[in-house]
C-alpha atoms as a PDB file:
ATOM      1  CA  MET A   1      53.003  93.515 171.871  1.00  0.00           C
ATOM      2  CA  PRO A   2      51.459  96.265 174.034  1.00  0.00           C
ATOM      3  CA  TYR A   3      53.561  98.087 176.597  1.00  0.00           C
ATOM      4  CA  THR A   4      53.220  96.727 180.120  1.00  0.00           C
ATOM      5  CA  PRO A   5      54.942  98.693 182.897  1.00  0.00           C
ATOM      6  CA  THR A   6      57.320  96.716 185.057  1.00  0.00           C
ATOM      7  CA  PRO A   7      56.006  96.442 188.612  1.00  0.00           C
ATOM      8  CA  HIS A   8      58.278  97.369 191.526  1.00  0.00           C
ATOM      9  CA  ALA A   9      59.893  94.223 192.927  1.00  0.00           C
ATOM     10  CA  GLU A  10      57.198  91.529 193.141  1.00  0.00           C
ATOM     11  CA  THR A  11      54.228  93.778 193.773  1.00  0.00           C
ATOM     12  CA  THR A  12      52.417  96.384 191.741  1.00  0.00           C
ATOM     13  CA  CYS A  13      52.580 100.163 192.132  1.00  0.00           C
ATOM     14  CA  ARG A  14      49.070 100.217 193.551  1.00  0.00           C
ATOM     15  CA  GLN A  15      50.093  97.852 196.329  1.00  0.00           C
ATOM     16  CA  LEU A  16      53.114 100.003 197.121  1.00  0.00           C
ATOM     17  CA  MET A  17      51.343 103.376 197.064  1.00  0.00           C
ATOM     18  CA  GLN A  18      51.890 103.863 200.786  1.00  0.00           C
ATOM     19  CA  ASN A  19      55.647 103.203 200.628  1.00  0.00           C
ATOM     20  CA  CYS A  20      56.760 103.991 197.084  1.00  0.00           C
ATOM     21  CA  SER A  21      58.193 107.470 196.711  1.00  0.00           C
ATOM     22  CA  ILE A  22      57.888 107.264 192.934  1.00  0.00           C
ATOM     23  CA  CYS A  23      54.120 106.616 192.998  1.00  0.00           C
ATOM     24  CA  ASN A  24      53.298 108.491 196.180  1.00  0.00           C
ATOM     25  CA  MET A  25      54.310 111.970 195.072  1.00  0.00           C
ATOM     26  CA  LYS A  26      53.331 114.792 197.410  1.00  0.00           C
ATOM     27  CA  SER A  27      51.625 116.674 194.611  1.00  0.00           C
ATOM     28  CA  LYS A  28      51.235 116.587 190.865  1.00  0.00           C
ATOM     29  CA  PRO A  29      53.812 118.617 188.995  1.00  0.00           C
ATOM     30  CA  VAL A  30      52.297 121.912 187.950  1.00  0.00           C
ATOM     31  CA  ARG A  31      54.016 123.253 184.883  1.00  0.00           C
ATOM     32  CA  PRO A  32      53.629 126.871 183.842  1.00  0.00           C
ATOM     33  CA  GLY A  33      51.409 127.331 180.787  1.00  0.00           C
ATOM     34  CA  LEU A  34      54.218 128.077 178.337  1.00  0.00           C
ATOM     35  CA  GLU A  35      56.330 125.158 179.528  1.00  0.00           C
ATOM     36  CA  LYS A  36      53.379 122.778 179.264  1.00  0.00           C
ATOM     37  CA  ARG A  37      52.504 124.113 175.821  1.00  0.00           C
ATOM     38  CA  ALA A  38      56.082 123.652 174.613  1.00  0.00           C
ATOM     39  CA  LEU A  39      56.123 120.047 175.868  1.00  0.00           C
ATOM     40  CA  VAL A  40      52.794 119.284 174.194  1.00  0.00           C
ATOM     41  CA  VAL A  41      54.008 120.799 170.913  1.00  0.00           C
ATOM     42  CA  ARG A  42      57.134 118.631 171.054  1.00  0.00           C
ATOM     43  CA  LEU A  43      55.039 115.536 171.698  1.00  0.00           C
ATOM     44  CA  ARG A  44      52.789 116.332 168.749  1.00  0.00           C
ATOM     45  CA  LYS A  45      55.835 116.605 166.507  1.00  0.00           C
ATOM     46  CA  ILE A  46      57.099 113.246 167.777  1.00  0.00           C
ATOM     47  CA  LYS A  47      53.666 111.737 167.182  1.00  0.00           C
ATOM     48  CA  GLY A  48      53.801 113.055 163.611  1.00  0.00           C
ATOM     49  CA  GLN A  49      57.220 111.491 163.130  1.00  0.00           C
ATOM     50  CA  VAL A  50      56.001 108.103 164.363  1.00  0.00           C
ATOM     51  CA  GLU A  51      52.904 108.288 162.156  1.00  0.00           C
ATOM     52  CA  ALA A  52      55.176 109.086 159.191  1.00  0.00           C
ATOM     53  CA  ILE A  53      57.265 106.002 159.998  1.00  0.00           C
ATOM     54  CA  GLN A  54      54.080 103.931 160.061  1.00  0.00           C
ATOM     55  CA  ARG A  55      53.084 105.252 156.638  1.00  0.00           C
ATOM     56  CA  MET A  56      56.575 104.491 155.319  1.00  0.00           C
ATOM     57  CA  VAL A  57      56.329 100.889 156.513  1.00  0.00           C
ATOM     58  CA  GLU A  58      52.827 100.533 155.078  1.00  0.00           C
ATOM     59  CA  SER A  59      54.052 101.813 151.701  1.00  0.00           C
ATOM     60  CA  ASP A  60      57.144  99.550 151.732  1.00  0.00           C
ATOM     61  CA  ALA A  61      59.659 102.420 151.852  1.00  0.00           C
ATOM     62  CA  ASP A  62      63.355 101.595 151.694  1.00  0.00           C
ATOM     63  CA  THR A  63      64.722 100.264 154.971  1.00  0.00           C
ATOM     64  CA  PRO A  64      67.523 102.862 155.276  1.00  0.00           C
ATOM     65  CA  ASP A  65      64.962 105.661 154.887  1.00  0.00           C
ATOM     66  CA  VAL A  66      62.714 104.111 157.545  1.00  0.00           C
ATOM     67  CA  LEU A  67      65.635 103.654 159.921  1.00  0.00           C
ATOM     68  CA  MET A  68      66.750 107.268 159.469  1.00  0.00           C
ATOM     69  CA  GLN A  69      63.280 108.405 160.507  1.00  0.00           C
ATOM     70  CA  VAL A  70      63.373 106.043 163.502  1.00  0.00           C
ATOM     71  CA  VAL A  71      66.685 107.575 164.580  1.00  0.00           C
ATOM     72  CA  SER A  72      65.197 111.032 164.244  1.00  0.00           C
ATOM     73  CA  ALA A  73      62.120 110.121 166.315  1.00  0.00           C
ATOM     74  CA  ARG A  74      64.254 108.466 168.999  1.00  0.00           C
ATOM     75  CA  GLN A  75      66.428 111.573 169.257  1.00  0.00           C
ATOM     76  CA  ALA A  76      63.364 113.798 169.546  1.00  0.00           C
ATOM     77  CA  LEU A  77      61.941 111.608 172.312  1.00  0.00           C
ATOM     78  CA  LYS A  78      65.313 111.568 174.098  1.00  0.00           C
ATOM     79  CA  SER A  79      65.458 115.355 173.930  1.00  0.00           C
ATOM     80  CA  PHE A  80      61.904 115.566 175.300  1.00  0.00           C
ATOM     81  CA  SER A  81      62.837 113.242 178.172  1.00  0.00           C
ATOM     82  CA  GLU A  82      65.903 115.314 179.013  1.00  0.00           C
ATOM     83  CA  GLU A  83      63.740 118.437 179.178  1.00  0.00           C
ATOM     84  CA  VAL A  84      61.288 116.750 181.563  1.00  0.00           C
ATOM     85  CA  ILE A  85      64.158 115.515 183.748  1.00  0.00           C
ATOM     86  CA  ALA A  86      65.757 118.972 183.864  1.00  0.00           C
ATOM     87  CA  SER A  87      62.439 120.540 184.807  1.00  0.00           C
ATOM     88  CA  HIS A  88      61.948 117.975 187.563  1.00  0.00           C
ATOM     89  CA  LEU A  89      65.423 118.587 188.952  1.00  0.00           C
ATOM     90  CA  LYS A  90      64.852 122.327 189.003  1.00  0.00           C
ATOM     91  CA  GLU A  91      61.336 122.408 190.442  1.00  0.00           C
ATOM     92  CA  CYS A  92      60.912 119.297 192.584  1.00  0.00           C
ATOM     93  CA  ILE A  93      64.351 118.503 193.900  1.00  0.00           C
ATOM     94  CA  GLY A  94      65.539 122.097 194.011  1.00  0.00           C
ATOM     95  CA  GLY A  95      62.475 123.058 196.013  1.00  0.00           C
ATOM     96  CA  THR A  96      62.863 120.550 198.834  1.00  0.00           C
ATOM     97  CA  THR A  97      62.733 121.918 202.361  1.00  0.00           C
ATOM     98  CA  SER A  98      65.270 119.596 203.993  1.00  0.00           C
ATOM     99  CA  GLN A  99      68.298 117.522 203.081  1.00  0.00           C
ATOM    100  CA  ALA A 100      66.440 114.322 203.944  1.00  0.00           C
ATOM    101  CA  GLU A 101      63.585 115.248 201.616  1.00  0.00           C
ATOM    102  CA  GLY A 102      66.097 116.145 198.902  1.00  0.00           C
ATOM    103  CA  ARG A 103      67.868 112.798 199.267  1.00  0.00           C
ATOM    104  CA  SER A 104      64.539 110.998 199.091  1.00  0.00           C
ATOM    105  CA  GLU A 105      63.581 112.841 195.895  1.00  0.00           C
ATOM    106  CA  ILE A 106      66.989 112.093 194.367  1.00  0.00           C
ATOM    107  CA  ARG A 107      66.689 108.381 195.209  1.00  0.00           C
ATOM    108  CA  ALA A 108      63.237 108.285 193.596  1.00  0.00           C
ATOM    109  CA  LEU A 109      64.548 110.041 190.494  1.00  0.00           C
ATOM    110  CA  LEU A 110      67.554 107.716 190.252  1.00  0.00           C
ATOM    111  CA  GLU A 111      65.238 104.707 190.350  1.00  0.00           C
ATOM    112  CA  VAL A 112      63.248 106.106 187.442  1.00  0.00           C
ATOM    113  CA  LEU A 113      66.440 106.993 185.543  1.00  0.00           C
ATOM    114  CA  LYS A 114      67.708 103.411 185.903  1.00  0.00           C
ATOM    115  CA  ARG A 115      64.588 102.218 184.093  1.00  0.00           C
ATOM    116  CA  TYR A 116      64.898 105.030 181.563  1.00  0.00           C
ATOM    117  CA  ALA A 117      68.480 104.073 180.749  1.00  0.00           C
ATOM    118  CA  SER A 118      67.817 100.358 180.307  1.00  0.00           C
END
């Protein structure tokens, strides 16, 4: 089954663009070249892990071996996510100009983290 993002409440993100702080970011995050490169390299490694799992399934590898690779890929993706979250906290929330803006950014991040955790 393909991934379908969960819409906010009963409407879609596009309908909420004017009011949704998650979708209506002030600007795109601009990551320094080395940081972006490191994230892309990590994603390529994760992609390789997932492709290896696919090959294992296609070749009828032992279930424990497949599951160990799944655990490894999940941990790599979790580590990647933690890096993105830490970067966001440092750059976006740390760079707010007022307490109200900071609280708004934190609320938006908490909403995303609730989905991430479930």
